[in-house]
Protein backbone atom coordinates (compact mmCIF):
# COMPACT_ATOMS: atom_id res chain seq x y z
CA MET A 1 -37.66 -43.62 -0.79
CA ARG A 2 -34.77 -41.76 -1.80
CA LYS A 3 -33.45 -42.49 -5.34
CA ALA A 4 -30.44 -42.58 -6.88
CA ILE A 5 -28.69 -43.55 -10.33
CA THR A 6 -25.39 -44.55 -10.75
CA MET A 7 -23.54 -46.42 -13.36
CA ILE A 8 -20.84 -49.00 -13.23
CA VAL A 9 -19.11 -50.22 -17.14
CA VAL A 10 -16.74 -52.86 -16.89
CA LEU A 11 -14.52 -53.12 -20.06
CA GLY A 12 -13.69 -56.17 -21.85
CA LEU A 13 -12.49 -54.90 -25.20
CA SER A 14 -11.53 -57.21 -28.05
CA VAL A 15 -11.06 -56.52 -31.51
CA CYS A 16 -13.31 -58.83 -34.03
CA LEU A 17 -13.23 -57.46 -37.28
CA TYR A 18 -13.33 -61.25 -39.23
CA ALA A 19 -14.78 -63.09 -36.33
CA ASN A 20 -15.86 -66.69 -37.77
CA ASN A 21 -17.71 -65.99 -41.07
CA LYS A 22 -16.44 -67.15 -44.35
CA ALA A 23 -14.93 -64.16 -46.28
CA SER A 24 -17.82 -64.18 -48.81
CA ASP A 25 -20.62 -63.67 -46.05
CA LYS A 26 -19.64 -60.19 -45.88
CA SER A 27 -17.11 -59.41 -48.46
CA LYS A 28 -18.52 -55.90 -49.32
CA ASP A 29 -18.58 -54.92 -45.44
CA LEU A 30 -14.95 -55.37 -45.00
CA SER A 31 -13.60 -52.38 -46.69
CA ARG A 32 -16.47 -50.31 -44.55
CA PRO A 33 -15.86 -49.01 -40.69
CA SER A 34 -18.09 -50.57 -38.16
CA VAL A 35 -20.88 -47.47 -37.82
CA ALA A 36 -23.17 -48.32 -34.60
CA THR A 37 -26.76 -47.02 -34.75
CA HIS A 38 -25.82 -44.91 -32.11
CA HIS A 39 -29.01 -45.07 -29.92
CA PRO A 40 -30.64 -41.95 -29.02
CA GLU A 41 -30.40 -40.53 -25.34
CA PHE A 42 -33.89 -40.89 -25.33
CA LYS A 43 -36.46 -43.08 -26.83
CA SER A 44 -40.44 -43.00 -26.52
CA PRO A 45 -41.60 -45.46 -24.19
CA ASN A 46 -44.56 -45.90 -26.11
CA GLY A 47 -47.29 -45.78 -23.34
CA ARG A 48 -45.33 -47.97 -20.82
CA THR A 49 -44.73 -46.02 -17.26
CA GLU A 50 -42.94 -48.70 -15.25
CA GLU A 51 -41.26 -50.81 -16.98
CA TRP A 52 -37.55 -50.72 -18.17
CA GLU A 53 -36.15 -51.49 -21.72
CA ILE A 54 -33.36 -53.28 -23.08
CA TRP A 55 -33.13 -52.23 -26.78
CA MET A 56 -30.46 -54.51 -29.16
CA THR A 57 -29.50 -53.44 -32.67
CA ASP A 58 -27.08 -54.68 -35.04
CA ASP A 59 -25.76 -51.90 -37.46
CA TYR A 60 -25.75 -54.24 -40.68
CA GLY A 61 -29.32 -55.55 -40.29
CA ASP A 62 -28.74 -59.30 -40.44
CA GLY A 63 -28.94 -59.88 -36.58
CA TRP A 64 -26.07 -60.79 -34.00
CA ASN A 65 -25.00 -64.09 -35.67
CA GLY A 66 -25.05 -66.51 -32.72
CA GLY A 67 -24.34 -63.27 -30.27
CA TYR A 68 -26.60 -62.81 -27.05
CA ILE A 69 -27.26 -61.39 -23.75
CA ASP A 70 -28.29 -62.50 -20.45
CA LEU A 71 -29.95 -59.90 -18.08
CA TYR A 72 -29.88 -60.12 -14.31
CA VAL A 73 -31.58 -58.19 -11.73
CA ASN A 74 -30.20 -58.32 -8.15
CA GLY A 75 -28.23 -61.48 -9.22
CA THR A 76 -31.42 -63.46 -10.58
CA LEU A 77 -31.51 -64.40 -14.21
CA VAL A 78 -34.76 -62.71 -15.73
CA GLU A 79 -34.31 -63.74 -19.24
CA GLY A 80 -31.58 -65.63 -21.03
CA GLY A 81 -30.22 -65.52 -24.63
CA ILE A 82 -31.75 -62.41 -26.13
CA THR A 83 -30.61 -61.78 -29.27
CA VAL A 84 -31.73 -59.98 -32.51
CA ASP A 85 -32.85 -61.87 -35.70
CA VAL A 86 -32.75 -59.16 -38.05
CA ASP A 87 -32.51 -55.22 -37.43
CA ASP A 88 -33.40 -54.88 -33.38
CA ASN A 89 -35.09 -56.21 -30.43
CA SER A 90 -36.49 -55.04 -27.18
CA TYR A 91 -37.16 -56.83 -23.94
CA LEU A 92 -39.16 -55.11 -20.93
CA PHE A 93 -38.67 -55.78 -17.47
CA ASN A 94 -39.71 -54.70 -13.99
CA VAL A 95 -37.13 -53.08 -11.18
CA ASP A 96 -37.32 -51.14 -7.96
CA ASP A 97 -35.07 -48.60 -6.33
CA PHE A 98 -31.55 -49.69 -5.67
CA ASP A 99 -32.09 -52.89 -8.03
CA TYR A 100 -28.63 -54.03 -9.33
CA ILE A 101 -28.76 -54.81 -13.19
CA SER A 102 -26.26 -56.62 -15.17
CA VAL A 103 -26.20 -57.64 -18.58
CA ASP A 104 -23.80 -60.55 -19.46
CA TYR A 105 -23.05 -60.09 -23.31
CA THR A 106 -21.65 -63.17 -25.28
CA PRO A 107 -20.49 -62.37 -28.85
CA GLY A 108 -20.98 -64.35 -32.03
CA SER A 109 -20.02 -63.62 -35.15
CA TRP A 110 -19.35 -59.83 -36.47
CA SER A 111 -19.79 -58.66 -32.68
CA TYR A 112 -18.46 -55.18 -33.77
CA GLU A 113 -22.03 -54.22 -35.65
CA ASN A 114 -23.88 -54.96 -32.35
CA GLU A 115 -25.07 -52.25 -30.04
CA TYR A 116 -27.46 -52.68 -26.81
CA SER A 117 -28.94 -49.75 -24.34
CA ILE A 118 -30.97 -49.74 -21.25
CA TYR A 119 -33.72 -47.08 -21.03
CA ASP A 120 -35.82 -46.10 -17.97
CA ALA A 121 -39.49 -46.05 -17.71
CA GLU A 122 -39.57 -42.47 -18.74
CA GLY A 123 -37.55 -43.46 -22.07
CA ASN A 124 -34.23 -42.28 -21.14
CA MET A 125 -30.57 -43.82 -22.12
CA VAL A 126 -29.19 -45.05 -18.72
CA VAL A 127 -26.68 -47.67 -20.10
CA GLY A 128 -25.42 -47.43 -23.87
CA ILE A 129 -22.98 -50.04 -25.20
CA ILE A 130 -21.87 -49.71 -28.99
CA GLY A 131 -19.29 -51.78 -30.91
CA GLN A 132 -16.74 -49.07 -31.15
CA ASP A 133 -14.05 -47.50 -29.16
CA ALA A 134 -13.52 -43.72 -28.51
CA ASP A 135 -11.67 -43.67 -31.87
CA GLY A 136 -14.35 -45.35 -33.95
CA ALA A 137 -12.06 -48.63 -34.03
CA ALA A 138 -14.35 -51.70 -34.30
CA VAL A 139 -14.68 -53.55 -30.93
CA GLU A 140 -16.97 -55.98 -29.24
CA PRO A 141 -19.27 -54.64 -26.65
CA TRP A 142 -18.96 -55.69 -23.27
CA ASP A 143 -20.81 -56.42 -19.98
CA VAL A 144 -22.32 -53.73 -17.88
CA ALA A 145 -23.80 -53.37 -14.42
CA HIS A 146 -25.85 -50.60 -13.36
CA THR A 147 -27.70 -49.48 -9.84
CA VAL A 148 -31.25 -48.49 -10.51
CA GLY A 149 -32.19 -45.02 -9.13
CA LEU A 150 -35.25 -43.26 -9.34
CA GLY A 151 -33.99 -39.61 -8.35
CA ALA A 152 -30.80 -38.11 -7.23
CA GLU A 153 -27.62 -38.84 -8.91
CA ASN A 154 -26.02 -41.52 -6.12
CA MET A 155 -22.34 -41.21 -5.85
CA LEU A 156 -22.11 -44.57 -4.99
CA SER A 157 -22.88 -47.58 -7.05
CA ASN A 158 -24.69 -51.11 -5.42
CA GLY A 159 -25.64 -48.87 -2.63
CA GLY A 160 -28.50 -50.96 -1.57
CA PHE A 161 -26.19 -54.57 -1.63
CA GLU A 162 -28.16 -56.04 -4.12
CA GLY A 163 -25.10 -57.03 -6.29
CA ILE A 164 -23.09 -59.69 -4.25
CA TRP A 165 -20.25 -62.24 -4.68
CA CYS A 166 -19.34 -65.20 -2.48
CA CYS A 167 -17.26 -66.14 -0.79
CA MET A 168 -14.87 -64.22 1.51
CA ASN A 169 -13.11 -66.17 3.84
CA GLY A 170 -14.78 -68.86 2.17
CA TRP A 171 -18.42 -68.18 3.60
CA GLN A 172 -19.10 -64.31 3.53
CA ASN A 173 -21.67 -62.58 1.00
CA VAL A 174 -19.62 -59.51 -0.03
CA GLY A 175 -21.48 -56.33 -1.57
CA ILE A 176 -20.11 -55.80 -5.19
CA ASP A 177 -17.97 -52.37 -5.65
CA TRP A 178 -17.43 -51.95 -1.69
CA THR A 179 -14.02 -52.13 -0.02
CA GLN A 180 -13.64 -53.88 3.65
CA TRP A 181 -10.90 -52.45 6.24
CA PRO A 182 -9.60 -54.57 7.81
CA ALA A 183 -9.30 -56.39 4.44
CA ASP A 184 -9.28 -59.87 5.95
CA ASN A 185 -12.17 -58.85 8.66
CA GLY A 186 -14.57 -61.65 9.32
CA SER A 187 -17.02 -59.35 10.67
CA HIS A 188 -19.34 -58.69 8.07
CA PHE A 189 -22.24 -60.51 5.83
CA VAL A 190 -24.43 -59.38 3.16
CA ALA A 191 -27.52 -60.87 4.42
CA PRO A 192 -30.35 -62.21 2.31
CA THR A 193 -33.99 -62.25 2.79
CA GLY A 194 -34.70 -65.34 5.48
CA ASP A 195 -31.32 -64.84 6.93
CA GLY A 196 -31.06 -66.48 10.43
CA ILE A 197 -30.54 -64.22 13.07
CA TYR A 198 -28.20 -65.00 16.01
CA GLY A 199 -30.07 -65.77 19.09
CA SER A 200 -33.46 -65.98 17.50
CA GLU A 201 -35.73 -67.92 15.85
CA ASP A 202 -36.46 -65.01 13.17
CA THR A 203 -35.38 -64.36 9.88
CA PHE A 204 -34.38 -61.49 8.65
CA THR A 205 -36.31 -59.22 6.11
CA PRO A 206 -34.07 -56.57 4.56
CA TYR A 207 -35.36 -53.09 4.21
CA ALA A 208 -35.55 -53.12 0.78
CA GLY A 209 -34.95 -55.67 -2.23
CA ASP A 210 -33.38 -58.83 -1.29
CA HIS A 211 -30.21 -57.94 0.66
CA SER A 212 -28.72 -55.82 3.44
CA LEU A 213 -25.00 -55.31 4.95
CA LYS A 214 -24.73 -56.81 8.23
CA MET A 215 -22.05 -55.60 10.61
CA TRP A 216 -20.95 -56.77 14.13
CA GLY A 217 -17.62 -56.62 16.50
CA GLN A 218 -14.36 -58.20 15.41
CA TYR A 219 -13.67 -59.42 19.16
CA ASN A 220 -9.87 -59.02 18.43
CA GLY A 221 -9.40 -58.36 22.44
CA ALA A 222 -9.38 -54.47 22.00
CA ALA A 223 -10.91 -51.49 20.83
CA ASN A 224 -11.43 -51.91 16.78
CA ALA A 225 -13.11 -50.40 14.41
CA ALA A 226 -14.12 -52.12 10.76
CA SER A 227 -15.33 -49.69 7.84
CA TYR A 228 -17.18 -51.05 4.86
CA TYR A 229 -16.71 -48.43 1.98
CA GLN A 230 -16.04 -46.98 -1.24
CA SER A 231 -13.44 -44.77 -2.52
CA PHE A 232 -13.59 -41.61 -5.46
CA TRP A 233 -11.03 -39.60 -6.77
CA ALA A 234 -11.54 -36.27 -5.85
CA GLY A 235 -9.38 -34.36 -8.04
CA ASP A 236 -12.45 -32.95 -10.00
CA MET A 237 -14.24 -31.57 -7.00
CA ASP A 238 -13.61 -28.29 -6.13
CA PRO A 239 -12.73 -27.45 -2.24
CA GLY A 240 -16.11 -26.48 -0.63
CA THR A 241 -18.35 -28.95 -2.54
CA GLY A 242 -21.14 -30.47 -0.32
CA ILE A 243 -21.43 -34.07 0.05
CA THR A 244 -24.61 -35.78 1.63
CA ALA A 245 -24.46 -39.67 2.43
CA SER A 246 -27.62 -40.99 4.14
CA GLY A 247 -28.76 -44.46 4.70
CA VAL A 248 -30.87 -46.77 7.39
CA LEU A 249 -29.94 -48.99 10.06
CA TRP A 250 -31.72 -51.67 12.33
CA SER A 251 -30.61 -54.09 15.00
CA HIS A 252 -32.80 -57.29 16.30
CA GLU A 253 -33.85 -57.51 19.66
CA ALA A 254 -32.14 -60.84 20.09
CA ASP A 255 -28.91 -59.62 19.08
CA TRP A 256 -29.52 -56.01 19.87
CA ILE A 257 -26.53 -53.45 19.47
CA GLY A 258 -27.57 -52.48 22.89
CA GLN A 259 -25.83 -55.11 24.58
CA GLY A 260 -22.98 -52.51 25.19
CA THR A 261 -21.58 -49.42 23.57
CA ASN A 262 -21.10 -50.61 20.55
CA THR A 263 -21.88 -48.00 17.78
CA VAL A 264 -22.13 -47.18 13.84
CA THR A 265 -21.78 -44.26 11.73
CA ILE A 266 -22.30 -43.37 7.89
CA PHE A 267 -18.90 -41.53 7.23
CA VAL A 268 -17.22 -39.42 4.90
CA SER A 269 -13.36 -39.05 4.97
CA TYR A 270 -10.75 -37.09 2.59
CA PHE A 271 -7.06 -38.21 1.90
CA ASP A 272 -4.36 -36.58 -0.11
CA TYR A 273 -3.10 -38.20 -3.05
CA TYR A 274 -0.65 -40.31 -0.93
CA TRP A 275 -3.53 -41.05 1.12
CA ASN A 276 -2.25 -39.50 3.91
CA PHE A 277 -5.69 -38.49 6.25
CA ILE A 278 -7.25 -35.13 5.84
CA SER A 279 -10.06 -34.84 7.86
CA ARG A 280 -13.72 -37.06 8.39
CA ASP A 281 -17.23 -36.48 9.07
CA ASP A 282 -19.90 -38.94 10.58
CA SER A 283 -23.52 -38.98 11.30
CA PRO A 284 -25.01 -39.23 14.51
CA THR A 285 -24.24 -42.50 15.75
CA PHE A 286 -26.88 -45.62 15.65
CA SER A 287 -26.47 -47.33 18.74
CA GLY A 288 -28.22 -49.05 22.16
CA ALA A 289 -30.08 -45.72 22.39
CA ASP A 290 -32.25 -46.70 19.20
CA ALA A 291 -35.20 -48.96 19.86
CA ALA A 292 -34.62 -52.63 18.41
CA ASN A 293 -36.52 -54.05 15.55
CA THR A 294 -37.28 -50.67 14.21
CA TRP A 295 -35.44 -49.09 11.10
CA HIS A 296 -33.53 -45.88 11.68
CA GLU A 297 -32.26 -42.88 9.35
CA ARG A 298 -28.91 -40.98 9.60
CA SER A 299 -27.61 -39.15 7.41
CA VAL A 300 -24.11 -36.82 7.54
CA THR A 301 -23.60 -33.71 5.55
CA SER A 302 -19.86 -32.88 4.49
CA THR A 303 -17.63 -30.14 3.09
CA VAL A 304 -14.91 -31.43 0.78
CA PRO A 305 -11.58 -29.53 2.17
CA GLU A 306 -8.41 -27.99 0.31
CA GLY A 307 -5.93 -30.93 -1.00
CA VAL A 308 -8.12 -33.85 -1.52
CA SER A 309 -7.43 -36.45 -3.65
CA PHE A 310 -9.47 -39.71 -2.37
CA VAL A 311 -12.95 -39.49 -0.63
CA ASN A 312 -13.97 -42.62 1.36
CA ILE A 313 -18.12 -42.98 2.00
CA GLY A 314 -19.49 -45.98 4.15
CA PHE A 315 -20.45 -47.27 7.19
CA GLU A 316 -18.11 -47.97 10.13
CA TYR A 317 -18.79 -50.44 13.22
CA ASN A 318 -17.36 -49.56 16.59
CA GLN A 319 -16.41 -52.23 19.39
CA ALA A 320 -14.95 -51.25 22.87
CA ASP A 321 -14.00 -54.56 23.81
CA ASN A 322 -14.99 -58.24 23.70
CA ASP A 323 -17.66 -57.88 26.28
CA GLN A 324 -19.68 -55.24 24.10
CA HIS A 325 -21.92 -57.20 21.84
CA GLY A 326 -24.90 -56.99 19.08
CA SER A 327 -24.96 -56.50 15.34
CA ALA A 328 -26.81 -54.26 12.92
CA TYR A 329 -27.96 -54.48 9.59
CA MET A 330 -27.88 -51.35 7.31
CA ASP A 331 -29.25 -50.58 3.76
CA ASN A 332 -29.70 -48.20 0.71
CA LEU A 333 -26.68 -45.99 1.25
CA LEU A 334 -27.16 -43.05 -0.75
CA ALA A 335 -24.48 -40.22 -1.60
CA VAL A 336 -25.03 -36.92 -3.49
CA PHE A 337 -23.50 -33.96 -3.89
CA GLY A 338 -25.22 -31.04 -1.88
CA ALA A 339 -27.79 -31.36 1.05
CA THR A 340 -30.75 -33.49 0.43
CA ASP A 341 -34.30 -33.05 1.47
């Protein structure tokens, strides 16, 4: 399975120098700056080979004073109310490739003393949150989200569509960190395990994890294209840099994309600073030429051109007219610099 590592950090910074403690509780501490424990980039896994670890510390050594974290994987609460009583605490949990980890942090008193980090099974830090800003000023830690990757570094967040929010247009599951075009498009849905399949009594099983993206035609009376993508600032990408995007696609026989000329591609597109289109590369199409009920791999390798400020990477579903039917499911989109094996 292709692997990836990416991280999204959602900042919610708020200074908490005095909190709700009485002045006498830590009066000797008021004159000292917050000095977080600065978790190491590597922490010995102590014999574990598969589990990940979330390590929590308090730099004053008196616990989190009412603070705690709730740990979620793919939107499911794994453990709630994890806290530190004295110096530190660890919690071990299991993940798979493309899983979507989210941590909700609830501050207590003296929250700027708190720090937590997530380490992979080999002991490497993948997320580290301390109670200081870049200038060393005391702040509360914040919530984080991280997409598990067990190999190459993925440019995309939530490439397995395991992180979702509901509801767009009152009913649609939407992938966190993904953008849709048209913005009000009603022809997509992040389908969970067990979701019904149009025209069939069968239920859906994702390629991996618990969710996959589903797309179909817009039925707007004309040729139409719908995109599901993520955007990146390309100012730091040198012209000539290679990008390879790859994923898997599937269509059920009862709602087969082969009921006409509909197609899906993986695309990499480029824009200048003012969002003027420069160029685009697409994978070979997924269409009725591909067997139903089978996951098919697709990939595209692209080269960053001159003058690029923004890059879009994602899936595009094309429908020629209202007489072209069928849907497609997509999963585990991976985008990396350079070529893939």
